[in-house]
Amino acid sequence: MRENRFQRQATKGVRVLALIACAFLMVAVNLPATERSQGEVLKRGMCGLPGSWAGEVDIGARFFAQYSRGGWAGGGPLTIEWIVLDPTLFGNFPAAVRTTQSVGVWRMETGNTYSYTWVAYGLDMNGTPVYAIKTSGMGTIRDCHSTDFDWVMEVFPAPLDPLHDEPPVCLAGTGTKERIPIELGICEPPLP
């Protein structure tokens, strides 16, 4: 009787140890690797495009872009705020005094390439559209902090509609973007 009870306790202890070892093994197997190669991160889609980016294109325009998640993980809305952009489009529309914010969409095509389309308007001093531009292109995420992209801009003098009419003029080029990092400010408040 005594041996039987001792054997049951020993067997119970072995089972508990086996369960603890299995739990540790499951945790260890599921821990993410501390160092992943950039290629592996891009391949697994861990960087992603959503976020804020500062960029410039080869015609001298500079911008802030916001890629937001949509109803699905592989795309969503895109807004662009222009920092530097010639509203006259190189003197072709001298009545234009400003360009609206650009609004459009983006979609991931593969693990590190994406497509996008956006529309903006050039306005005169009364806020009347002088032209519309529709820009589309493809981008490649180089690493988690930068992308390269190409673009084709279709120009629609008013009253042509960028969603229904054929463009009489097209421009093309390339650009780069850098992710805007989230960092705390480094400025100290002034002393009293």
N, C-alpha and C. Protein backbone atom coordinates (compact mmCIF):
# COMPACT_ATOMS: atom_id res chain seq x y z
N MET A 1 0.82 -1.19 0.00
CA MET A 1 0.00 0.00 0.00
C MET A 1 0.87 1.26 0.00
N ARG A 2 1.91 1.22 0.85
CA ARG A 2 2.80 2.36 0.94
C ARG A 2 3.53 2.61 -0.38
N GLU A 3 4.02 1.55 -1.05
CA GLU A 3 4.71 1.70 -2.33
C GLU A 3 3.78 2.26 -3.38
N ASN A 4 2.55 1.83 -3.36
CA ASN A 4 1.57 2.28 -4.34
C ASN A 4 1.35 3.79 -4.21
N ARG A 5 1.20 4.28 -3.01
CA ARG A 5 1.00 5.71 -2.78
C ARG A 5 2.23 6.50 -3.19
N PHE A 6 3.43 5.97 -2.88
CA PHE A 6 4.67 6.63 -3.27
C PHE A 6 4.80 6.65 -4.79
N GLN A 7 4.44 5.57 -5.45
CA GLN A 7 4.51 5.52 -6.90
C GLN A 7 3.54 6.52 -7.53
N ARG A 8 2.33 6.62 -6.96
CA ARG A 8 1.35 7.58 -7.49
C ARG A 8 1.86 9.00 -7.34
N GLN A 9 2.46 9.33 -6.19
CA GLN A 9 2.99 10.68 -5.99
C GLN A 9 4.15 10.96 -6.93
N ALA A 10 5.02 9.97 -7.14
CA ALA A 10 6.14 10.13 -8.06
C ALA A 10 5.64 10.31 -9.49
N THR A 11 4.66 9.52 -9.87
CA THR A 11 4.09 9.64 -11.21
C THR A 11 3.43 11.00 -11.38
N LYS A 12 2.72 11.46 -10.38
CA LYS A 12 2.08 12.78 -10.42
C LYS A 12 3.13 13.88 -10.56
N GLY A 13 4.25 13.76 -9.82
CA GLY A 13 5.33 14.74 -9.90
C GLY A 13 5.97 14.77 -11.29
N VAL A 14 6.16 13.59 -11.89
CA VAL A 14 6.73 13.51 -13.24
C VAL A 14 5.78 14.17 -14.24
N ARG A 15 4.48 13.94 -14.09
CA ARG A 15 3.50 14.56 -14.99
C ARG A 15 3.52 16.08 -14.87
N VAL A 16 3.60 16.59 -13.66
CA VAL A 16 3.65 18.03 -13.44
C VAL A 16 4.91 18.61 -14.07
N LEU A 17 6.04 17.95 -13.85
CA LEU A 17 7.29 18.41 -14.47
C LEU A 17 7.20 18.38 -15.99
N ALA A 18 6.59 17.35 -16.55
CA ALA A 18 6.43 17.26 -18.00
C ALA A 18 5.55 18.39 -18.52
N LEU A 19 4.47 18.70 -17.79
CA LEU A 19 3.58 19.80 -18.19
C LEU A 19 4.31 21.14 -18.13
N ILE A 20 5.10 21.36 -17.09
CA ILE A 20 5.87 22.60 -16.97
C ILE A 20 6.88 22.71 -18.10
N ALA A 21 7.57 21.62 -18.41
CA ALA A 21 8.55 21.62 -19.50
C ALA A 21 7.87 21.92 -20.83
N CYS A 22 6.70 21.33 -21.06
CA CYS A 22 5.95 21.60 -22.31
C CYS A 22 5.53 23.07 -22.38
N ALA A 23 5.09 23.62 -21.27
CA ALA A 23 4.69 25.03 -21.26
C ALA A 23 5.88 25.93 -21.59
N PHE A 24 7.04 25.67 -20.98
CA PHE A 24 8.24 26.46 -21.29
C PHE A 24 8.64 26.32 -22.75
N LEU A 25 8.55 25.11 -23.27
CA LEU A 25 8.89 24.86 -24.66
C LEU A 25 7.95 25.63 -25.59
N MET A 26 6.64 25.62 -25.28
CA MET A 26 5.68 26.36 -26.11
C MET A 26 5.96 27.86 -26.09
N VAL A 27 6.29 28.39 -24.93
CA VAL A 27 6.61 29.81 -24.83
C VAL A 27 7.87 30.13 -25.61
N ALA A 28 8.91 29.31 -25.45
CA ALA A 28 10.18 29.56 -26.13
C ALA A 28 10.03 29.49 -27.64
N VAL A 29 9.25 28.55 -28.14
CA VAL A 29 9.05 28.41 -29.57
C VAL A 29 8.29 29.62 -30.13
N ASN A 30 7.38 30.18 -29.38
CA ASN A 30 6.55 31.27 -29.87
C ASN A 30 7.11 32.66 -29.61
N LEU A 31 8.25 32.76 -28.93
CA LEU A 31 8.86 34.07 -28.73
C LEU A 31 9.40 34.59 -30.05
N PRO A 32 9.16 35.87 -30.36
CA PRO A 32 9.72 36.40 -31.61
C PRO A 32 11.23 36.50 -31.51
N ALA A 33 11.87 36.36 -32.64
CA ALA A 33 13.32 36.52 -32.68
C ALA A 33 13.68 37.96 -32.37
N THR A 34 14.73 38.16 -31.62
CA THR A 34 15.09 39.53 -31.25
C THR A 34 15.68 40.28 -32.43
N GLU A 35 16.39 39.62 -33.30
CA GLU A 35 16.99 40.26 -34.47
C GLU A 35 16.46 39.57 -35.71
N ARG A 36 15.70 40.30 -36.51
CA ARG A 36 15.23 39.77 -37.78
C ARG A 36 15.92 40.54 -38.88
N SER A 37 16.25 39.85 -39.95
CA SER A 37 16.86 40.54 -41.08
C SER A 37 15.81 41.44 -41.72
N GLN A 38 16.28 42.53 -42.35
CA GLN A 38 15.37 43.46 -43.02
C GLN A 38 14.56 42.74 -44.08
N GLY A 39 15.20 41.81 -44.81
CA GLY A 39 14.49 41.06 -45.85
C GLY A 39 13.36 40.24 -45.27
N GLU A 40 13.61 39.61 -44.12
CA GLU A 40 12.58 38.81 -43.47
C GLU A 40 11.44 39.70 -42.99
N VAL A 41 11.76 40.86 -42.45
CA VAL A 41 10.73 41.79 -41.98
C VAL A 41 9.85 42.23 -43.15
N LEU A 42 10.47 42.61 -44.27
CA LEU A 42 9.70 43.02 -45.44
C LEU A 42 8.89 41.87 -46.00
N LYS A 43 9.51 40.67 -46.06
CA LYS A 43 8.84 39.50 -46.62
C LYS A 43 7.58 39.17 -45.83
N ARG A 44 7.64 39.32 -44.55
CA ARG A 44 6.49 39.00 -43.70
C ARG A 44 5.52 40.17 -43.57
N GLY A 45 5.81 41.29 -44.22
CA GLY A 45 4.90 42.43 -44.19
C GLY A 45 4.85 43.12 -42.84
N MET A 46 5.94 43.07 -42.07
CA MET A 46 5.92 43.63 -40.73
C MET A 46 6.11 45.14 -40.71
N CYS A 47 6.68 45.71 -41.76
CA CYS A 47 6.89 47.17 -41.78
C CYS A 47 5.59 47.87 -42.11
N GLY A 48 5.05 47.56 -43.24
CA GLY A 48 3.80 48.14 -43.68
C GLY A 48 3.94 49.59 -44.09
N LEU A 49 2.97 50.05 -44.83
CA LEU A 49 2.95 51.41 -45.34
C LEU A 49 2.18 52.37 -44.43
N PRO A 50 1.18 51.91 -43.66
CA PRO A 50 0.43 52.87 -42.84
C PRO A 50 1.34 53.68 -41.94
N GLY A 51 1.05 54.97 -41.86
CA GLY A 51 1.84 55.87 -41.05
C GLY A 51 2.06 57.18 -41.77
N SER A 52 2.90 58.01 -41.20
CA SER A 52 3.19 59.32 -41.76
C SER A 52 4.56 59.31 -42.42
N TRP A 53 4.64 59.93 -43.59
CA TRP A 53 5.86 59.95 -44.38
C TRP A 53 6.14 61.37 -44.85
N ALA A 54 7.39 61.73 -44.95
CA ALA A 54 7.82 62.98 -45.57
C ALA A 54 8.51 62.59 -46.86
N GLY A 55 8.19 63.29 -47.96
CA GLY A 55 8.78 62.88 -49.22
C GLY A 55 9.03 64.03 -50.17
N GLU A 56 9.69 63.69 -51.27
CA GLU A 56 9.92 64.66 -52.32
C GLU A 56 9.99 63.94 -53.65
N VAL A 57 9.69 64.68 -54.71
CA VAL A 57 9.73 64.12 -56.06
C VAL A 57 10.74 64.90 -56.89
N ASP A 58 11.09 64.33 -58.00
CA ASP A 58 12.17 64.87 -58.83
C ASP A 58 11.86 66.22 -59.49
N ILE A 59 10.63 66.70 -59.39
CA ILE A 59 10.31 68.03 -59.93
C ILE A 59 10.41 69.11 -58.86
N GLY A 60 10.90 68.75 -57.68
CA GLY A 60 11.11 69.72 -56.61
C GLY A 60 9.97 69.84 -55.61
N ALA A 61 8.89 69.11 -55.78
CA ALA A 61 7.78 69.16 -54.84
C ALA A 61 8.13 68.35 -53.58
N ARG A 62 7.69 68.86 -52.42
CA ARG A 62 7.86 68.17 -51.13
C ARG A 62 6.51 68.06 -50.46
N PHE A 63 6.34 67.01 -49.64
CA PHE A 63 5.02 66.75 -49.07
C PHE A 63 5.11 65.92 -47.79
N PHE A 64 3.99 65.92 -47.06
CA PHE A 64 3.73 64.97 -45.98
C PHE A 64 2.61 64.06 -46.49
N ALA A 65 2.75 62.75 -46.33
CA ALA A 65 1.72 61.80 -46.75
C ALA A 65 1.29 60.99 -45.54
N GLN A 66 -0.01 60.71 -45.47
CA GLN A 66 -0.56 59.88 -44.41
C GLN A 66 -1.26 58.69 -45.04
N TYR A 67 -0.70 57.49 -44.82
CA TYR A 67 -1.31 56.26 -45.30
C TYR A 67 -2.05 55.65 -44.12
N SER A 68 -3.36 55.55 -44.24
CA SER A 68 -4.18 55.00 -43.16
C SER A 68 -4.66 53.60 -43.53
N ARG A 69 -4.96 52.82 -42.51
CA ARG A 69 -5.52 51.48 -42.76
C ARG A 69 -6.98 51.66 -43.15
N GLY A 70 -7.40 50.87 -44.12
CA GLY A 70 -8.79 50.90 -44.56
C GLY A 70 -9.57 49.77 -43.92
N GLY A 71 -10.61 49.34 -44.60
CA GLY A 71 -11.44 48.25 -44.12
C GLY A 71 -10.76 46.90 -44.23
N TRP A 72 -9.60 46.86 -44.88
CA TRP A 72 -8.82 45.64 -45.00
C TRP A 72 -7.36 45.99 -44.76
N ALA A 73 -6.56 45.02 -44.40
CA ALA A 73 -5.16 45.30 -44.01
C ALA A 73 -4.29 45.73 -45.18
N GLY A 74 -4.67 45.40 -46.41
CA GLY A 74 -3.82 45.63 -47.55
C GLY A 74 -4.02 46.94 -48.27
N GLY A 75 -4.66 47.91 -47.66
CA GLY A 75 -4.85 49.19 -48.32
C GLY A 75 -5.70 50.13 -47.50
N GLY A 76 -5.94 51.33 -48.06
CA GLY A 76 -6.76 52.29 -47.35
C GLY A 76 -6.64 53.68 -47.93
N PRO A 77 -7.12 54.67 -47.19
CA PRO A 77 -7.08 56.05 -47.66
C PRO A 77 -5.68 56.66 -47.59
N LEU A 78 -5.45 57.63 -48.46
CA LEU A 78 -4.19 58.34 -48.57
C LEU A 78 -4.49 59.83 -48.64
N THR A 79 -3.81 60.62 -47.81
CA THR A 79 -3.91 62.08 -47.90
C THR A 79 -2.49 62.64 -47.97
N ILE A 80 -2.36 63.70 -48.78
CA ILE A 80 -1.05 64.33 -48.96
C ILE A 80 -1.21 65.82 -48.72
N GLU A 81 -0.38 66.35 -47.85
CA GLU A 81 -0.32 67.80 -47.59
C GLU A 81 0.94 68.32 -48.26
N TRP A 82 0.78 69.30 -49.15
CA TRP A 82 1.91 69.83 -49.91
C TRP A 82 2.66 70.88 -49.11
N ILE A 83 3.97 70.73 -49.04
CA ILE A 83 4.85 71.71 -48.41
C ILE A 83 5.38 72.65 -49.48
N VAL A 84 5.88 72.06 -50.57
CA VAL A 84 6.39 72.82 -51.72
C VAL A 84 5.78 72.22 -52.98
N LEU A 85 5.03 73.02 -53.71
CA LEU A 85 4.46 72.61 -54.99
C LEU A 85 4.10 73.88 -55.75
N ASP A 86 4.58 74.01 -56.96
CA ASP A 86 4.25 75.16 -57.79
C ASP A 86 2.81 75.03 -58.25
N PRO A 87 1.89 75.86 -57.72
CA PRO A 87 0.48 75.73 -58.09
C PRO A 87 0.23 76.04 -59.57
N THR A 88 1.14 76.75 -60.23
CA THR A 88 0.94 77.08 -61.65
C THR A 88 1.37 75.94 -62.57
N LEU A 89 1.90 74.87 -61.99
CA LEU A 89 2.45 73.75 -62.77
C LEU A 89 3.41 74.26 -63.83
N PHE A 90 4.49 74.88 -63.34
CA PHE A 90 5.58 75.39 -64.19
C PHE A 90 5.12 76.50 -65.12
N GLY A 91 4.21 77.34 -64.63
CA GLY A 91 3.75 78.49 -65.42
C GLY A 91 2.65 78.17 -66.42
N ASN A 92 2.21 76.93 -66.49
CA ASN A 92 1.17 76.54 -67.44
C ASN A 92 -0.22 77.01 -67.03
N PHE A 93 -0.42 77.28 -65.74
CA PHE A 93 -1.71 77.76 -65.24
C PHE A 93 -1.45 78.97 -64.34
N PRO A 94 -1.16 80.13 -64.93
CA PRO A 94 -0.77 81.30 -64.13
C PRO A 94 -1.86 81.80 -63.18
N ALA A 95 -3.11 81.46 -63.43
CA ALA A 95 -4.19 81.90 -62.54
C ALA A 95 -4.24 81.09 -61.24
N ALA A 96 -3.60 79.94 -61.20
CA ALA A 96 -3.64 79.09 -59.99
C ALA A 96 -2.73 79.69 -58.92
N VAL A 97 -3.27 79.83 -57.71
CA VAL A 97 -2.50 80.40 -56.60
C VAL A 97 -2.25 79.39 -55.49
N ARG A 98 -2.98 78.27 -55.49
CA ARG A 98 -2.74 77.22 -54.50
C ARG A 98 -3.26 75.89 -55.01
N THR A 99 -2.77 74.83 -54.39
CA THR A 99 -3.19 73.46 -54.73
C THR A 99 -3.84 72.86 -53.49
N THR A 100 -4.94 72.15 -53.69
CA THR A 100 -5.63 71.52 -52.56
C THR A 100 -4.82 70.34 -52.03
N GLN A 101 -5.22 69.89 -50.85
CA GLN A 101 -4.68 68.66 -50.30
C GLN A 101 -5.04 67.54 -51.27
N SER A 102 -4.17 66.58 -51.43
CA SER A 102 -4.46 65.43 -52.31
C SER A 102 -5.12 64.34 -51.50
N VAL A 103 -6.11 63.70 -52.11
CA VAL A 103 -6.85 62.62 -51.45
C VAL A 103 -6.92 61.44 -52.40
N GLY A 104 -6.67 60.25 -51.87
CA GLY A 104 -6.72 59.07 -52.72
C GLY A 104 -6.70 57.79 -51.93
N VAL A 105 -6.19 56.73 -52.56
CA VAL A 105 -6.15 55.39 -51.94
C VAL A 105 -4.82 54.73 -52.26
N TRP A 106 -4.47 53.74 -51.44
CA TRP A 106 -3.27 52.92 -51.67
C TRP A 106 -3.65 51.47 -51.47
N ARG A 107 -2.83 50.57 -52.07
CA ARG A 107 -3.07 49.13 -51.93
C ARG A 107 -1.73 48.40 -52.02
N MET A 108 -1.50 47.46 -51.12
CA MET A 108 -0.30 46.62 -51.18
C MET A 108 -0.49 45.63 -52.33
N GLU A 109 0.56 45.50 -53.14
CA GLU A 109 0.52 44.58 -54.27
C GLU A 109 1.26 43.29 -53.95
N THR A 110 2.42 43.39 -53.30
CA THR A 110 3.19 42.24 -52.83
C THR A 110 3.69 42.60 -51.44
N GLY A 111 4.62 41.83 -50.89
CA GLY A 111 5.14 42.09 -49.55
C GLY A 111 5.79 43.45 -49.39
N ASN A 112 6.38 43.98 -50.47
CA ASN A 112 7.06 45.27 -50.33
C ASN A 112 6.74 46.26 -51.46
N THR A 113 5.74 45.99 -52.29
CA THR A 113 5.34 46.95 -53.32
C THR A 113 3.89 47.36 -53.12
N TYR A 114 3.60 48.59 -53.49
CA TYR A 114 2.25 49.12 -53.33
C TYR A 114 1.91 50.00 -54.54
N SER A 115 0.62 50.18 -54.77
CA SER A 115 0.15 51.10 -55.80
C SER A 115 -0.67 52.18 -55.12
N TYR A 116 -0.82 53.31 -55.78
CA TYR A 116 -1.58 54.41 -55.21
C TYR A 116 -2.17 55.28 -56.32
N THR A 117 -3.22 56.01 -55.98
CA THR A 117 -3.82 57.01 -56.86
C THR A 117 -4.37 58.11 -55.98
N TRP A 118 -4.18 59.36 -56.40
CA TRP A 118 -4.75 60.49 -55.66
C TRP A 118 -5.14 61.60 -56.63
N VAL A 119 -6.03 62.50 -56.15
CA VAL A 119 -6.52 63.62 -56.95
C VAL A 119 -6.35 64.91 -56.14
N ALA A 120 -5.99 66.01 -56.82
CA ALA A 120 -5.90 67.34 -56.20
C ALA A 120 -6.34 68.37 -57.24
N TYR A 121 -6.59 69.58 -56.78
CA TYR A 121 -7.05 70.66 -57.66
C TYR A 121 -6.18 71.90 -57.48
N GLY A 122 -5.93 72.60 -58.59
CA GLY A 122 -5.30 73.90 -58.56
C GLY A 122 -6.39 74.95 -58.57
N LEU A 123 -6.34 75.89 -57.60
CA LEU A 123 -7.41 76.88 -57.43
C LEU A 123 -6.91 78.28 -57.72
N ASP A 124 -7.81 79.13 -58.23
CA ASP A 124 -7.46 80.55 -58.42
C ASP A 124 -7.71 81.31 -57.13
N MET A 125 -7.51 82.62 -57.14
CA MET A 125 -7.65 83.41 -55.91
C MET A 125 -9.06 83.44 -55.35
N ASN A 126 -10.07 83.06 -56.15
CA ASN A 126 -11.46 82.98 -55.68
C ASN A 126 -11.84 81.58 -55.22
N GLY A 127 -10.91 80.63 -55.31
CA GLY A 127 -11.19 79.25 -54.92
C GLY A 127 -11.83 78.44 -56.02
N THR A 128 -11.83 78.95 -57.24
CA THR A 128 -12.40 78.24 -58.38
C THR A 128 -11.33 77.33 -58.99
N PRO A 129 -11.70 76.07 -59.30
CA PRO A 129 -10.72 75.16 -59.90
C PRO A 129 -10.23 75.67 -61.26
N VAL A 130 -8.91 75.67 -61.44
CA VAL A 130 -8.27 76.01 -62.70
C VAL A 130 -7.89 74.73 -63.43
N TYR A 131 -7.52 73.71 -62.67
CA TYR A 131 -7.18 72.40 -63.21
C TYR A 131 -7.35 71.36 -62.12
N ALA A 132 -7.33 70.09 -62.54
CA ALA A 132 -7.29 68.95 -61.62
C ALA A 132 -6.11 68.09 -62.03
N ILE A 133 -5.51 67.42 -61.06
CA ILE A 133 -4.45 66.47 -61.36
C ILE A 133 -4.80 65.13 -60.71
N LYS A 134 -4.56 64.08 -61.46
CA LYS A 134 -4.73 62.72 -60.93
C LYS A 134 -3.39 62.03 -61.09
N THR A 135 -2.85 61.55 -59.99
CA THR A 135 -1.53 60.93 -60.00
C THR A 135 -1.63 59.49 -59.52
N SER A 136 -0.97 58.60 -60.25
CA SER A 136 -0.95 57.18 -59.92
C SER A 136 0.48 56.69 -60.01
N GLY A 137 0.77 55.60 -59.33
CA GLY A 137 2.11 55.05 -59.43
C GLY A 137 2.28 53.80 -58.60
N MET A 138 3.53 53.34 -58.58
CA MET A 138 3.92 52.16 -57.81
C MET A 138 5.08 52.55 -56.91
N GLY A 139 5.12 51.95 -55.73
CA GLY A 139 6.22 52.20 -54.80
C GLY A 139 6.81 50.91 -54.30
N THR A 140 8.06 51.00 -53.85
CA THR A 140 8.75 49.85 -53.26
C THR A 140 9.26 50.26 -51.89
N ILE A 141 8.90 49.50 -50.88
CA ILE A 141 9.38 49.74 -49.53
C ILE A 141 10.80 49.18 -49.45
N ARG A 142 11.81 50.08 -49.34
CA ARG A 142 13.22 49.66 -49.28
C ARG A 142 13.53 49.03 -47.94
N ASP A 143 13.10 49.67 -46.88
CA ASP A 143 13.26 49.17 -45.52
C ASP A 143 12.10 49.76 -44.72
N CYS A 144 12.09 49.54 -43.43
CA CYS A 144 10.94 50.00 -42.64
C CYS A 144 10.83 51.51 -42.54
N HIS A 145 11.82 52.23 -43.06
CA HIS A 145 11.82 53.67 -42.90
C HIS A 145 11.89 54.45 -44.20
N SER A 146 11.94 53.79 -45.35
CA SER A 146 12.03 54.53 -46.61
C SER A 146 11.42 53.75 -47.76
N THR A 147 10.91 54.51 -48.73
CA THR A 147 10.36 53.93 -49.94
C THR A 147 10.84 54.72 -51.14
N ASP A 148 10.84 54.08 -52.28
CA ASP A 148 11.04 54.73 -53.57
C ASP A 148 9.74 54.55 -54.34
N PHE A 149 9.40 55.52 -55.18
CA PHE A 149 8.17 55.38 -55.95
C PHE A 149 8.30 56.09 -57.29
N ASP A 150 7.46 55.65 -58.22
CA ASP A 150 7.35 56.37 -59.48
C ASP A 150 5.95 56.95 -59.56
N TRP A 151 5.76 57.89 -60.46
CA TRP A 151 4.46 58.54 -60.56
C TRP A 151 4.19 58.98 -62.00
N VAL A 152 2.91 59.01 -62.34
CA VAL A 152 2.43 59.57 -63.59
C VAL A 152 1.31 60.52 -63.22
N MET A 153 1.48 61.80 -63.58
CA MET A 153 0.47 62.82 -63.26
C MET A 153 -0.31 63.17 -64.53
N GLU A 154 -1.60 63.02 -64.46
CA GLU A 154 -2.48 63.41 -65.55
C GLU A 154 -3.05 64.79 -65.21
N VAL A 155 -3.00 65.72 -66.16
CA VAL A 155 -3.44 67.10 -65.93
C VAL A 155 -4.73 67.34 -66.70
N PHE A 156 -5.74 67.90 -66.00
CA PHE A 156 -7.06 68.15 -66.57
C PHE A 156 -7.41 69.63 -66.41
N PRO A 157 -7.22 70.45 -67.44
CA PRO A 157 -7.63 71.86 -67.34
C PRO A 157 -9.14 71.93 -67.09
N ALA A 158 -9.58 72.90 -66.28
CA ALA A 158 -11.02 73.06 -66.01
C ALA A 158 -11.72 73.34 -67.34
N PRO A 159 -12.86 72.82 -67.57
CA PRO A 159 -13.76 72.06 -66.69
C PRO A 159 -13.64 70.55 -66.82
N LEU A 160 -12.54 70.01 -67.36
CA LEU A 160 -12.40 68.55 -67.48
C LEU A 160 -12.41 67.90 -66.10
N ASP A 161 -12.96 66.69 -66.04
CA ASP A 161 -13.14 65.95 -64.78
C ASP A 161 -12.12 64.81 -64.72
N PRO A 162 -11.29 64.76 -63.67
CA PRO A 162 -10.26 63.71 -63.59
C PRO A 162 -10.83 62.30 -63.40
N LEU A 163 -12.10 62.20 -63.03
CA LEU A 163 -12.69 60.88 -62.81
C LEU A 163 -13.41 60.35 -64.06
N HIS A 164 -13.64 61.22 -65.07
CA HIS A 164 -14.40 60.77 -66.23
C HIS A 164 -13.77 61.12 -67.58
N ASP A 165 -12.96 62.16 -67.66
CA ASP A 165 -12.41 62.62 -68.94
C ASP A 165 -11.01 62.08 -69.17
N GLU A 166 -10.58 62.13 -70.42
CA GLU A 166 -9.22 61.76 -70.79
C GLU A 166 -8.30 62.96 -70.55
N PRO A 167 -7.09 62.74 -70.03
CA PRO A 167 -6.18 63.86 -69.78
C PRO A 167 -5.51 64.32 -71.08
N PRO A 168 -5.44 65.63 -71.31
CA PRO A 168 -4.71 66.11 -72.48
C PRO A 168 -3.20 66.14 -72.27
N VAL A 169 -2.73 66.11 -71.01
CA VAL A 169 -1.30 66.21 -70.70
C VAL A 169 -0.94 65.22 -69.60
N CYS A 170 0.24 64.59 -69.71
CA CYS A 170 0.75 63.70 -68.67
C CYS A 170 2.21 64.04 -68.38
N LEU A 171 2.60 63.95 -67.12
CA LEU A 171 3.98 64.09 -66.68
C LEU A 171 4.34 62.81 -65.94
N ALA A 172 5.64 62.49 -65.86
CA ALA A 172 6.06 61.30 -65.13
C ALA A 172 7.35 61.60 -64.39
N GLY A 173 7.62 60.83 -63.33
CA GLY A 173 8.84 61.03 -62.57
C GLY A 173 9.01 60.00 -61.48
N THR A 174 9.94 60.28 -60.56
CA THR A 174 10.24 59.39 -59.44
C THR A 174 10.34 60.21 -58.16
N GLY A 175 10.35 59.52 -57.03
CA GLY A 175 10.48 60.20 -55.74
C GLY A 175 10.90 59.23 -54.65
N THR A 176 11.10 59.78 -53.46
CA THR A 176 11.45 58.99 -52.28
C THR A 176 10.64 59.50 -51.10
N LYS A 177 10.45 58.62 -50.12
CA LYS A 177 9.77 58.99 -48.87
C LYS A 177 10.53 58.42 -47.71
N GLU A 178 10.51 59.14 -46.59
CA GLU A 178 11.09 58.67 -45.34
C GLU A 178 9.99 58.68 -44.29
N ARG A 179 9.89 57.60 -43.52
CA ARG A 179 8.88 57.53 -42.46
C ARG A 179 9.19 58.60 -41.42
N ILE A 180 8.17 59.27 -40.93
CA ILE A 180 8.35 60.26 -39.88
C ILE A 180 8.36 59.51 -38.55
N PRO A 181 9.49 59.51 -37.82
CA PRO A 181 9.56 58.73 -36.59
C PRO A 181 8.75 59.38 -35.47
N ILE A 182 8.29 58.55 -34.58
CA ILE A 182 7.60 59.04 -33.39
C ILE A 182 8.65 59.21 -32.31
N GLU A 183 8.94 60.44 -31.95
CA GLU A 183 9.95 60.72 -30.95
C GLU A 183 9.47 61.83 -30.03
N LEU A 184 9.94 61.80 -28.82
CA LEU A 184 9.65 62.88 -27.88
C LEU A 184 10.46 64.09 -28.27
N GLY A 185 9.94 65.26 -28.03
CA GLY A 185 10.69 66.49 -28.32
C GLY A 185 11.93 66.58 -27.47
N ILE A 186 12.95 67.26 -28.00
CA ILE A 186 14.21 67.38 -27.27
C ILE A 186 14.38 68.75 -26.63
N CYS A 187 13.45 69.64 -26.88
CA CYS A 187 13.57 71.00 -26.32
C CYS A 187 13.16 71.00 -24.85
N GLU A 188 13.89 71.73 -24.07
CA GLU A 188 13.60 71.88 -22.66
C GLU A 188 12.73 73.12 -22.47
N PRO A 189 11.78 73.10 -21.53
CA PRO A 189 11.02 74.32 -21.28
C PRO A 189 11.93 75.41 -20.72
N PRO A 190 11.64 76.69 -21.00
CA PRO A 190 12.50 77.76 -20.48
C PRO A 190 12.44 77.82 -18.95
N LEU A 191 13.54 78.22 -18.36
CA LEU A 191 13.60 78.38 -16.90
C LEU A 191 12.86 79.65 -16.51
N PRO A 192 12.19 79.64 -15.34
CA PRO A 192 11.45 80.84 -14.90
C PRO A 192 12.35 82.01 -14.56
